[in-house]
Amino acid sequence: MSMVEYSVKERIGKITLNRPEKRNALSPEMVEGLKQAFNRAADDDQVKVIVLNAAGEAFCAGADLAYLQQLQNFSYEENLADSNQLKELFLNIYTHPKVVIAQVQGHAFAGGCGLAGICDWSFAVPKAMFGYTEVRIGFIPALVSVFLLRKMGEGAARELLLGGELISAERAQAIGLINRVVPAEKLEDEVNDFASRLISSNSTESMKLTKKLLAEVQGMTLTEALQLAAESNAHARGTVDCKRGIEAFLNKEKIIW
């Protein structure tokens, strides 16, 4: 059985962490499987929205313990190559042309918390705990720090990354790490309903262009950001989706995307 499962139903592509016996810990094989699945979803015309979920009790426990032991014998070059694999996965999700929703049914720690937090939306059950515990084992949450600073700002990022403490789903929602806390028995239905609303209500091209803009404007000067925004605006006006949407709006017609 594959560590990463891929399925499609009603334009929702589901990518499932499928290593429940190891609490879906991130091994090199799982990271590679996730990269392939997200690349597959990007090219799949039957997929408009992606749901990242997991099998078993935990969403993702972070790095695989057995692999952590192996890392102690790695050279700097080997460690850099390994880090780049996870970097490519995170960047893939963050810049993915399609909306990604995390369906968090259990605990998400370290790199697993990074996976949940980097998605466009994250829905979690009340019992789920979140945290970046790297500093407690002498490691650093290097890759996730880049995305957390963008998402939450320095204050919240320092609290999570330097403290190394686990926080509740309620606290994670309050500080902006996740979006919604949903009862366990309703989680899958809530995520599917939300994904379906995005599919029927929102333009594929508009969501793609908006994600791209949000990823690129941060770090630019005000002048550069506004110039990119103006260019993106002009480009969007020429798309088929925009022309269809404006025509439907002017004619007071409901458009199904």
C-alpha atoms as a PDB file:
ATOM      1  CA  MET A   1       0.000   0.000   0.000  1.00  0.00           C
ATOM      2  CA  SER A   2       1.308   3.442  -0.927  1.00  0.00           C
ATOM      3  CA  MET A   3       2.386   5.926   1.761  1.00  0.00           C
ATOM      4  CA  VAL A   4       0.491   8.605  -0.170  1.00  0.00           C
ATOM      5  CA  GLU A   5      -2.907   7.919  -1.723  1.00  0.00           C
ATOM      6  CA  TYR A   6      -4.451   9.969  -4.528  1.00  0.00           C
ATOM      7  CA  SER A   7      -8.118   9.997  -5.517  1.00  0.00           C
ATOM      8  CA  VAL A   8     -10.581  12.309  -7.274  1.00  0.00           C
ATOM      9  CA  LYS A   9     -14.312  12.733  -6.745  1.00  0.00           C
ATOM     10  CA  GLU A  10     -16.543  15.584  -7.864  1.00  0.00           C
ATOM     11  CA  ARG A  11     -13.545  17.791  -8.763  1.00  0.00           C
ATOM     12  CA  ILE A  12     -11.974  17.364  -5.298  1.00  0.00           C
ATOM     13  CA  GLY A  13      -8.550  15.772  -5.406  1.00  0.00           C
ATOM     14  CA  LYS A  14      -7.723  14.011  -2.148  1.00  0.00           C
ATOM     15  CA  ILE A  15      -4.106  13.455  -1.170  1.00  0.00           C
ATOM     16  CA  THR A  16      -3.915  11.168   1.849  1.00  0.00           C
ATOM     17  CA  LEU A  17      -0.986  10.566   4.182  1.00  0.00           C
ATOM     18  CA  ASN A  18      -1.219   6.800   4.547  1.00  0.00           C
ATOM     19  CA  ARG A  19       1.313   5.683   7.117  1.00  0.00           C
ATOM     20  CA  PRO A  20      -0.885   5.428  10.217  1.00  0.00           C
ATOM     21  CA  GLU A  21       1.316   2.879  11.971  1.00  0.00           C
ATOM     22  CA  LYS A  22       4.061   5.558  12.106  1.00  0.00           C
ATOM     23  CA  ARG A  23       1.630   8.425  12.817  1.00  0.00           C
ATOM     24  CA  ASN A  24       2.201   9.533   9.211  1.00  0.00           C
ATOM     25  CA  ALA A  25       5.768  10.579  10.013  1.00  0.00           C
ATOM     26  CA  LEU A  26       7.631  12.225   7.160  1.00  0.00           C
ATOM     27  CA  SER A  27      10.188   9.889   5.633  1.00  0.00           C
ATOM     28  CA  PRO A  28      12.044  10.690   2.387  1.00  0.00           C
ATOM     29  CA  GLU A  29       9.704   8.294   0.587  1.00  0.00           C
ATOM     30  CA  MET A  30       6.613  10.058   1.927  1.00  0.00           C
ATOM     31  CA  VAL A  31       7.968  13.491   1.040  1.00  0.00           C
ATOM     32  CA  GLU A  32       8.661  12.288  -2.499  1.00  0.00           C
ATOM     33  CA  GLY A  33       5.204  10.719  -2.671  1.00  0.00           C
ATOM     34  CA  LEU A  34       3.582  13.973  -1.613  1.00  0.00           C
ATOM     35  CA  LYS A  35       5.553  15.943  -4.196  1.00  0.00           C
ATOM     36  CA  GLN A  36       4.425  13.555  -6.920  1.00  0.00           C
ATOM     37  CA  ALA A  37       0.805  13.699  -5.761  1.00  0.00           C
ATOM     38  CA  PHE A  38       0.700  17.493  -5.752  1.00  0.00           C
ATOM     39  CA  ASN A  39       2.331  17.592  -9.189  1.00  0.00           C
ATOM     40  CA  ARG A  40      -0.258  15.114 -10.407  1.00  0.00           C
ATOM     41  CA  ALA A  41      -3.082  17.257  -9.018  1.00  0.00           C
ATOM     42  CA  ALA A  42      -1.664  20.347 -10.724  1.00  0.00           C
ATOM     43  CA  ASP A  43      -1.913  18.615 -14.105  1.00  0.00           C
ATOM     44  CA  ASP A  44      -5.241  16.886 -13.446  1.00  0.00           C
ATOM     45  CA  ASP A  45      -8.039  18.710 -15.270  1.00  0.00           C
ATOM     46  CA  GLN A  46     -10.603  16.839 -13.173  1.00  0.00           C
ATOM     47  CA  VAL A  47      -9.295  18.507  -9.978  1.00  0.00           C
ATOM     48  CA  LYS A  48     -10.215  22.044  -8.985  1.00  0.00           C
ATOM     49  CA  VAL A  49      -9.632  21.914  -5.203  1.00  0.00           C
ATOM     50  CA  ILE A  50      -7.222  19.687  -3.247  1.00  0.00           C
ATOM     51  CA  VAL A  51      -7.854  18.226   0.210  1.00  0.00           C
ATOM     52  CA  LEU A  52      -4.814  17.035   2.172  1.00  0.00           C
ATOM     53  CA  ASN A  53      -5.899  14.506   4.779  1.00  0.00           C
ATOM     54  CA  ALA A  54      -4.466  11.586   6.720  1.00  0.00           C
ATOM     55  CA  ALA A  55      -5.267   8.054   7.812  1.00  0.00           C
ATOM     56  CA  GLY A  56      -5.226   6.947  11.443  1.00  0.00           C
ATOM     57  CA  GLU A  57      -5.128   8.818  14.736  1.00  0.00           C
ATOM     58  CA  ALA A  58      -2.478  11.439  13.910  1.00  0.00           C
ATOM     59  CA  PHE A  59      -2.360  13.891  11.034  1.00  0.00           C
ATOM     60  CA  CYS A  60       1.443  13.925  10.948  1.00  0.00           C
ATOM     61  CA  ALA A  61       3.999  13.523  13.742  1.00  0.00           C
ATOM     62  CA  GLY A  62       6.806  15.291  11.893  1.00  0.00           C
ATOM     63  CA  ALA A  63      10.062  13.664  10.888  1.00  0.00           C
ATOM     64  CA  ASP A  64      10.418   9.900  10.980  1.00  0.00           C
ATOM     65  CA  LEU A  65      12.377   8.858  14.086  1.00  0.00           C
ATOM     66  CA  ALA A  66      14.377   6.170  12.337  1.00  0.00           C
ATOM     67  CA  TYR A  67      15.383   8.652   9.664  1.00  0.00           C
ATOM     68  CA  LEU A  68      16.375  11.207  12.307  1.00  0.00           C
ATOM     69  CA  GLN A  69      18.862   8.662  13.608  1.00  0.00           C
ATOM     70  CA  GLN A  70      20.351   8.248  10.134  1.00  0.00           C
ATOM     71  CA  LEU A  71      20.733  12.016   9.757  1.00  0.00           C
ATOM     72  CA  GLN A  72      23.309  12.062  12.539  1.00  0.00           C
ATOM     73  CA  ASN A  73      25.786  10.451  10.141  1.00  0.00           C
ATOM     74  CA  PHE A  74      25.030  12.720   7.192  1.00  0.00           C
ATOM     75  CA  SER A  75      27.513  15.207   5.803  1.00  0.00           C
ATOM     76  CA  TYR A  76      26.545  18.865   5.366  1.00  0.00           C
ATOM     77  CA  GLU A  77      25.999  18.249   1.656  1.00  0.00           C
ATOM     78  CA  GLU A  78      23.735  15.268   2.342  1.00  0.00           C
ATOM     79  CA  ASN A  79      21.743  17.221   4.922  1.00  0.00           C
ATOM     80  CA  LEU A  80      21.351  20.121   2.503  1.00  0.00           C
ATOM     81  CA  ALA A  81      20.078  17.824  -0.239  1.00  0.00           C
ATOM     82  CA  ASP A  82      17.601  16.279   2.198  1.00  0.00           C
ATOM     83  CA  SER A  83      16.412  19.695   3.413  1.00  0.00           C
ATOM     84  CA  ASN A  84      15.878  20.794  -0.158  1.00  0.00           C
ATOM     85  CA  GLN A  85      13.432  17.930  -0.703  1.00  0.00           C
ATOM     86  CA  LEU A  86      11.163  19.157   2.085  1.00  0.00           C
ATOM     87  CA  LYS A  87      11.665  22.753   0.938  1.00  0.00           C
ATOM     88  CA  GLU A  88      10.416  21.802  -2.522  1.00  0.00           C
ATOM     89  CA  LEU A  89       7.321  20.136  -1.038  1.00  0.00           C
ATOM     90  CA  PHE A  90       6.416  23.157   1.089  1.00  0.00           C
ATOM     91  CA  LEU A  91       7.013  25.531  -1.808  1.00  0.00           C
ATOM     92  CA  ASN A  92       4.924  23.326  -4.084  1.00  0.00           C
ATOM     93  CA  ILE A  93       1.943  23.519  -1.726  1.00  0.00           C
ATOM     94  CA  TYR A  94       2.360  27.250  -1.028  1.00  0.00           C
ATOM     95  CA  THR A  95       2.579  28.181  -4.716  1.00  0.00           C
ATOM     96  CA  HIS A  96       0.315  25.436  -6.044  1.00  0.00           C
ATOM     97  CA  PRO A  97      -2.029  26.663  -8.790  1.00  0.00           C
ATOM     98  CA  LYS A  98      -4.989  25.045  -7.022  1.00  0.00           C
ATOM     99  CA  VAL A  99      -6.451  25.733  -3.598  1.00  0.00           C
ATOM    100  CA  VAL A 100      -5.294  23.291  -0.908  1.00  0.00           C
ATOM    101  CA  ILE A 101      -7.352  22.519   2.220  1.00  0.00           C
ATOM    102  CA  ALA A 102      -5.882  20.604   5.164  1.00  0.00           C
ATOM    103  CA  GLN A 103      -8.263  18.207   6.914  1.00  0.00           C
ATOM    104  CA  VAL A 104      -6.575  17.686  10.282  1.00  0.00           C
ATOM    105  CA  GLN A 105      -8.147  14.790  12.184  1.00  0.00           C
ATOM    106  CA  GLY A 106      -5.361  14.444  14.777  1.00  0.00           C
ATOM    107  CA  HIS A 107      -2.131  15.887  16.130  1.00  0.00           C
ATOM    108  CA  ALA A 108       0.202  17.824  13.809  1.00  0.00           C
ATOM    109  CA  PHE A 109       3.731  18.321  15.102  1.00  0.00           C
ATOM    110  CA  ALA A 110       6.908  19.893  13.683  1.00  0.00           C
ATOM    111  CA  GLY A 111       6.986  19.235   9.914  1.00  0.00           C
ATOM    112  CA  GLY A 112       3.444  17.899  10.167  1.00  0.00           C
ATOM    113  CA  CYS A 113       2.339  21.187  11.675  1.00  0.00           C
ATOM    114  CA  GLY A 114       4.152  22.846   8.803  1.00  0.00           C
ATOM    115  CA  LEU A 115       2.075  20.842   6.332  1.00  0.00           C
ATOM    116  CA  ALA A 116      -1.190  21.816   8.023  1.00  0.00           C
ATOM    117  CA  GLY A 117      -0.265  25.471   8.352  1.00  0.00           C
ATOM    118  CA  ILE A 118       1.026  25.991   4.834  1.00  0.00           C
ATOM    119  CA  CYS A 119      -2.263  25.034   3.170  1.00  0.00           C
ATOM    120  CA  ASP A 120      -4.662  27.748   2.045  1.00  0.00           C
ATOM    121  CA  TRP A 121      -7.226  26.616   4.628  1.00  0.00           C
ATOM    122  CA  SER A 122      -6.941  24.238   7.570  1.00  0.00           C
ATOM    123  CA  PHE A 123      -9.870  22.549   9.327  1.00  0.00           C
ATOM    124  CA  ALA A 124      -9.106  20.644  12.533  1.00  0.00           C
ATOM    125  CA  VAL A 125     -10.859  18.637  15.226  1.00  0.00           C
ATOM    126  CA  PRO A 126     -10.944  20.038  18.791  1.00  0.00           C
ATOM    127  CA  LYS A 127      -8.613  17.347  20.162  1.00  0.00           C
ATOM    128  CA  ALA A 128      -5.845  18.076  17.661  1.00  0.00           C
ATOM    129  CA  MET A 129      -2.671  19.574  19.105  1.00  0.00           C
ATOM    130  CA  PHE A 130      -0.239  21.685  17.109  1.00  0.00           C
ATOM    131  CA  GLY A 131       3.339  22.700  17.657  1.00  0.00           C
ATOM    132  CA  TYR A 132       6.858  23.136  16.372  1.00  0.00           C
ATOM    133  CA  THR A 133       8.943  21.166  18.849  1.00  0.00           C
ATOM    134  CA  GLU A 134      12.264  21.300  17.010  1.00  0.00           C
ATOM    135  CA  VAL A 135      14.043  23.482  19.588  1.00  0.00           C
ATOM    136  CA  ARG A 136      13.380  20.836  22.238  1.00  0.00           C
ATOM    137  CA  ILE A 137      15.634  18.330  20.476  1.00  0.00           C
ATOM    138  CA  GLY A 138      18.364  20.764  19.462  1.00  0.00           C
ATOM    139  CA  PHE A 139      17.031  21.259  15.962  1.00  0.00           C
ATOM    140  CA  ILE A 140      15.545  24.386  14.335  1.00  0.00           C
ATOM    141  CA  PRO A 141      12.203  24.939  12.520  1.00  0.00           C
ATOM    142  CA  ALA A 142      14.016  26.563   9.617  1.00  0.00           C
ATOM    143  CA  LEU A 143      11.786  25.911   6.616  1.00  0.00           C
ATOM    144  CA  VAL A 144       8.466  26.472   8.368  1.00  0.00           C
ATOM    145  CA  SER A 145       9.714  29.782   9.803  1.00  0.00           C
ATOM    146  CA  VAL A 146       9.696  31.367   6.341  1.00  0.00           C
ATOM    147  CA  PHE A 147       6.023  30.574   5.812  1.00  0.00           C
ATOM    148  CA  LEU A 148       4.922  31.278   9.377  1.00  0.00           C
ATOM    149  CA  LEU A 149       6.349  34.791   9.280  1.00  0.00           C
ATOM    150  CA  ARG A 150       4.344  35.452   6.143  1.00  0.00           C
ATOM    151  CA  LYS A 151       1.171  33.922   7.522  1.00  0.00           C
ATOM    152  CA  MET A 152       1.112  35.057  11.138  1.00  0.00           C
ATOM    153  CA  GLY A 153       3.688  37.779  11.663  1.00  0.00           C
ATOM    154  CA  GLU A 154       6.754  37.811  13.871  1.00  0.00           C
ATOM    155  CA  GLY A 155       5.061  37.851  17.270  1.00  0.00           C
ATOM    156  CA  ALA A 156       3.035  34.673  16.818  1.00  0.00           C
ATOM    157  CA  ALA A 157       5.871  32.971  14.953  1.00  0.00           C
ATOM    158  CA  ARG A 158       8.298  33.641  17.804  1.00  0.00           C
ATOM    159  CA  GLU A 159       5.793  32.284  20.317  1.00  0.00           C
ATOM    160  CA  LEU A 160       5.452  29.014  18.433  1.00  0.00           C
ATOM    161  CA  LEU A 161       8.977  28.496  17.145  1.00  0.00           C
ATOM    162  CA  LEU A 162      11.028  29.613  20.157  1.00  0.00           C
ATOM    163  CA  GLY A 163       8.650  28.261  22.795  1.00  0.00           C
ATOM    164  CA  GLY A 164       8.399  24.818  21.255  1.00  0.00           C
ATOM    165  CA  GLU A 165       5.160  24.210  23.136  1.00  0.00           C
ATOM    166  CA  LEU A 166       2.120  22.332  21.931  1.00  0.00           C
ATOM    167  CA  ILE A 167      -1.068  24.342  21.560  1.00  0.00           C
ATOM    168  CA  SER A 168      -4.724  23.378  21.237  1.00  0.00           C
ATOM    169  CA  ALA A 169      -6.754  23.632  18.057  1.00  0.00           C
ATOM    170  CA  GLU A 170      -8.676  26.494  19.648  1.00  0.00           C
ATOM    171  CA  ARG A 171      -5.451  28.408  20.323  1.00  0.00           C
ATOM    172  CA  ALA A 172      -4.148  27.588  16.848  1.00  0.00           C
ATOM    173  CA  GLN A 173      -7.287  29.120  15.364  1.00  0.00           C
ATOM    174  CA  ALA A 174      -7.058  32.192  17.597  1.00  0.00           C
ATOM    175  CA  ILE A 175      -3.528  33.040  16.412  1.00  0.00           C
ATOM    176  CA  GLY A 176      -4.241  32.293  12.764  1.00  0.00           C
ATOM    177  CA  LEU A 177      -2.383  29.003  12.329  1.00  0.00           C
ATOM    178  CA  ILE A 178      -5.578  27.202  11.274  1.00  0.00           C
ATOM    179  CA  ASN A 179      -8.948  28.467  10.080  1.00  0.00           C
ATOM    180  CA  ARG A 180     -11.690  26.382  11.668  1.00  0.00           C
ATOM    181  CA  VAL A 181     -12.252  23.932  14.507  1.00  0.00           C
ATOM    182  CA  VAL A 182     -14.900  21.348  13.664  1.00  0.00           C
ATOM    183  CA  PRO A 183     -16.346  18.422  15.668  1.00  0.00           C
ATOM    184  CA  ALA A 184     -14.697  15.165  14.637  1.00  0.00           C
ATOM    185  CA  GLU A 185     -17.926  13.602  13.389  1.00  0.00           C
ATOM    186  CA  LYS A 186     -18.497  16.583  11.071  1.00  0.00           C
ATOM    187  CA  LEU A 187     -14.958  17.209   9.850  1.00  0.00           C
ATOM    188  CA  GLU A 188     -15.054  15.353   6.546  1.00  0.00           C
ATOM    189  CA  ASP A 189     -18.483  16.689   5.603  1.00  0.00           C
ATOM    190  CA  GLU A 190     -17.528  20.271   6.505  1.00  0.00           C
ATOM    191  CA  VAL A 191     -14.343  20.091   4.424  1.00  0.00           C
ATOM    192  CA  ASN A 192     -16.137  18.520   1.465  1.00  0.00           C
ATOM    193  CA  ASP A 193     -18.957  21.072   1.642  1.00  0.00           C
ATOM    194  CA  PHE A 194     -16.478  23.943   1.797  1.00  0.00           C
ATOM    195  CA  ALA A 195     -14.463  22.560  -1.111  1.00  0.00           C
ATOM    196  CA  SER A 196     -17.654  22.102  -3.122  1.00  0.00           C
ATOM    197  CA  ARG A 197     -18.662  25.715  -2.507  1.00  0.00           C
ATOM    198  CA  LEU A 198     -15.302  26.926  -3.770  1.00  0.00           C
ATOM    199  CA  ILE A 199     -15.663  24.721  -6.818  1.00  0.00           C
ATOM    200  CA  SER A 200     -19.130  25.966  -7.746  1.00  0.00           C
ATOM    201  CA  SER A 201     -18.759  29.628  -6.709  1.00  0.00           C
ATOM    202  CA  ASN A 202     -15.205  30.640  -7.597  1.00  0.00           C
ATOM    203  CA  SER A 203     -13.314  30.900 -10.858  1.00  0.00           C
ATOM    204  CA  THR A 204     -10.411  28.459 -11.197  1.00  0.00           C
ATOM    205  CA  GLU A 205      -8.285  31.058 -12.949  1.00  0.00           C
ATOM    206  CA  SER A 206      -9.102  33.766 -10.409  1.00  0.00           C
ATOM    207  CA  MET A 207      -8.084  31.590  -7.459  1.00  0.00           C
ATOM    208  CA  LYS A 208      -4.895  30.586  -9.271  1.00  0.00           C
ATOM    209  CA  LEU A 209      -3.933  34.186 -10.058  1.00  0.00           C
ATOM    210  CA  THR A 210      -4.810  35.374  -6.555  1.00  0.00           C
ATOM    211  CA  LYS A 211      -2.644  32.669  -4.949  1.00  0.00           C
ATOM    212  CA  LYS A 212       0.232  33.632  -7.220  1.00  0.00           C
ATOM    213  CA  LEU A 213      -0.142  37.310  -6.380  1.00  0.00           C
ATOM    214  CA  LEU A 214      -0.262  36.686  -2.617  1.00  0.00           C
ATOM    215  CA  ALA A 215       2.893  34.589  -2.801  1.00  0.00           C
ATOM    216  CA  GLU A 216       4.841  37.150  -4.816  1.00  0.00           C
ATOM    217  CA  VAL A 217       3.917  40.558  -3.365  1.00  0.00           C
ATOM    218  CA  GLN A 218       5.304  39.859   0.098  1.00  0.00           C
ATOM    219  CA  GLY A 219       8.868  41.033   0.365  1.00  0.00           C
ATOM    220  CA  MET A 220       8.464  43.570  -2.431  1.00  0.00           C
ATOM    221  CA  THR A 221       8.641  47.290  -1.901  1.00  0.00           C
ATOM    222  CA  LEU A 222       5.314  49.116  -1.947  1.00  0.00           C
ATOM    223  CA  THR A 223       6.018  50.410  -5.452  1.00  0.00           C
ATOM    224  CA  GLU A 224       7.002  46.971  -6.751  1.00  0.00           C
ATOM    225  CA  ALA A 225       3.998  45.297  -5.138  1.00  0.00           C
ATOM    226  CA  LEU A 226       1.552  47.819  -6.567  1.00  0.00           C
ATOM    227  CA  GLN A 227       3.098  47.497 -10.013  1.00  0.00           C
ATOM    228  CA  LEU A 228       2.727  43.715  -9.885  1.00  0.00           C
ATOM    229  CA  ALA A 229      -0.860  44.125  -8.646  1.00  0.00           C
ATOM    230  CA  ALA A 230      -1.691  46.464 -11.531  1.00  0.00           C
ATOM    231  CA  GLU A 231      -0.164  44.064 -14.063  1.00  0.00           C
ATOM    232  CA  SER A 232      -2.013  41.123 -12.508  1.00  0.00           C
ATOM    233  CA  ASN A 233      -5.250  43.117 -12.615  1.00  0.00           C
ATOM    234  CA  ALA A 234      -4.772  43.885 -16.293  1.00  0.00           C
ATOM    235  CA  HIS A 235      -3.944  40.260 -17.059  1.00  0.00           C
ATOM    236  CA  ALA A 236      -6.986  38.968 -15.176  1.00  0.00           C
ATOM    237  CA  ARG A 237      -9.323  41.241 -17.128  1.00  0.00           C
ATOM    238  CA  GLY A 238      -8.288  39.512 -20.335  1.00  0.00           C
ATOM    239  CA  THR A 239      -9.018  35.988 -19.153  1.00  0.00           C
ATOM    240  CA  VAL A 240     -11.976  33.969 -20.367  1.00  0.00           C
ATOM    241  CA  ASP A 241     -13.165  33.504 -16.789  1.00  0.00           C
ATOM    242  CA  CYS A 242     -13.300  37.240 -16.153  1.00  0.00           C
ATOM    243  CA  LYS A 243     -15.219  37.902 -19.347  1.00  0.00           C
ATOM    244  CA  ARG A 244     -17.691  35.125 -18.514  1.00  0.00           C
ATOM    245  CA  GLY A 245     -18.078  36.335 -14.948  1.00  0.00           C
ATOM    246  CA  ILE A 246     -18.680  39.978 -15.834  1.00  0.00           C
ATOM    247  CA  GLU A 247     -21.157  39.044 -18.558  1.00  0.00           C
ATOM    248  CA  ALA A 248     -23.111  36.871 -16.108  1.00  0.00           C
ATOM    249  CA  PHE A 249     -23.040  39.620 -13.477  1.00  0.00           C
ATOM    250  CA  LEU A 250     -24.289  42.282 -15.889  1.00  0.00           C
ATOM    251  CA  ASN A 251     -27.049  39.980 -17.132  1.00  0.00           C
ATOM    252  CA  LYS A 252     -27.959  38.992 -13.558  1.00  0.00           C
ATOM    253  CA  GLU A 253     -27.296  35.367 -14.364  1.00  0.00           C
ATOM    254  CA  LYS A 254     -25.887  32.785 -11.976  1.00  0.00           C
ATOM    255  CA  ILE A 255     -22.627  31.337 -13.208  1.00  0.00           C
ATOM    256  CA  ILE A 256     -21.459  27.836 -12.294  1.00  0.00           C
ATOM    257  CA  TRP A 257     -17.724  27.459 -12.513  1.00  0.00           C
END
